Amino acid sequence: MVVTKKRKTIFVEPEKRKALCKALGISKVTFYNAVNDVTNSELAASIRKAALENYGGVPISKDVVVR
């Protein structure tokens, strides 16, 4: 039996993703961890906020397999 759960993420277009990383001085790994809710720090919250408000981020839910 396959078990899935919903996971929140924020989609940002590649060009805008690069611009956001450069503007905030963060790495791609930091960006991905923030928008995929892997980290939950003040920095991650500010990255998510910037992605949604300034860089055209689109919040989506996706199913992921839980092992």
Protein backbone atom coordinates (compact mmCIF):
# COMPACT_ATOMS: atom_id res chain seq x y z
CA MET A 1 0.00 0.00 0.00
CA VAL A 2 1.32 3.42 -0.97
CA VAL A 3 0.80 6.20 1.55
CA THR A 4 0.88 9.82 0.39
CA LYS A 5 0.57 13.18 2.09
CA LYS A 6 0.11 16.73 0.87
CA ARG A 7 3.18 18.95 0.84
CA LYS A 8 3.15 22.71 0.36
CA THR A 9 5.62 24.29 -2.02
CA ILE A 10 6.04 27.55 -3.90
CA PHE A 11 6.80 27.51 -7.63
CA VAL A 12 9.05 30.32 -8.90
CA GLU A 13 10.20 30.60 -12.52
CA PRO A 14 13.93 29.88 -13.02
CA GLU A 15 14.93 33.45 -13.99
CA LYS A 16 13.09 34.91 -11.01
CA ARG A 17 14.52 32.21 -8.74
CA LYS A 18 18.06 33.24 -9.72
CA ALA A 19 17.21 36.91 -9.16
CA LEU A 20 15.75 36.19 -5.71
CA CYS A 21 18.82 34.15 -4.68
CA LYS A 22 21.13 36.92 -5.85
CA ALA A 23 19.08 39.68 -4.17
CA LEU A 24 19.01 37.89 -0.82
CA GLY A 25 22.53 36.48 -1.08
CA ILE A 26 21.41 32.87 -0.62
CA SER A 27 22.29 29.58 -2.28
CA LYS A 28 19.97 27.46 -4.41
CA VAL A 29 19.87 24.86 -1.63
CA THR A 30 18.72 27.47 0.90
CA PHE A 31 16.04 28.64 -1.54
CA TYR A 32 14.74 25.12 -2.23
CA ASN A 33 14.66 24.22 1.47
CA ALA A 34 12.68 27.38 2.23
CA VAL A 35 10.06 27.09 -0.52
CA ASN A 36 9.57 23.36 0.10
CA ASP A 37 9.00 23.88 3.86
CA VAL A 38 12.08 21.86 4.80
CA THR A 39 13.35 24.70 6.99
CA ASN A 40 11.24 26.96 9.16
CA SER A 41 13.53 29.79 10.27
CA GLU A 42 13.12 33.55 10.02
CA LEU A 43 15.25 33.51 6.87
CA ALA A 44 13.11 30.78 5.32
CA ALA A 45 9.95 32.77 6.12
CA SER A 46 11.41 35.89 4.50
CA ILE A 47 12.39 33.87 1.40
CA ARG A 48 8.85 32.47 1.10
CA LYS A 49 7.35 35.94 1.58
CA ALA A 50 9.65 37.48 -1.07
CA ALA A 51 8.93 34.64 -3.48
CA LEU A 52 5.17 35.16 -3.17
CA GLU A 53 5.03 38.95 -3.03
CA ASN A 54 7.91 40.12 -5.24
CA TYR A 55 8.91 37.29 -7.56
CA GLY A 56 5.60 35.87 -8.80
CA GLY A 57 5.70 32.70 -6.73
CA VAL A 58 2.69 30.41 -6.93
CA PRO A 59 1.77 28.31 -3.88
CA ILE A 60 0.91 24.71 -4.78
CA SER A 61 0.18 21.48 -2.95
CA LYS A 62 1.53 18.21 -4.21
CA ASP A 63 1.26 14.62 -3.09
CA VAL A 64 4.46 12.94 -1.93
CA VAL A 65 4.98 9.29 -1.10
CA VAL A 66 5.60 8.58 2.58
CA ARG A 67 7.74 5.56 3.38
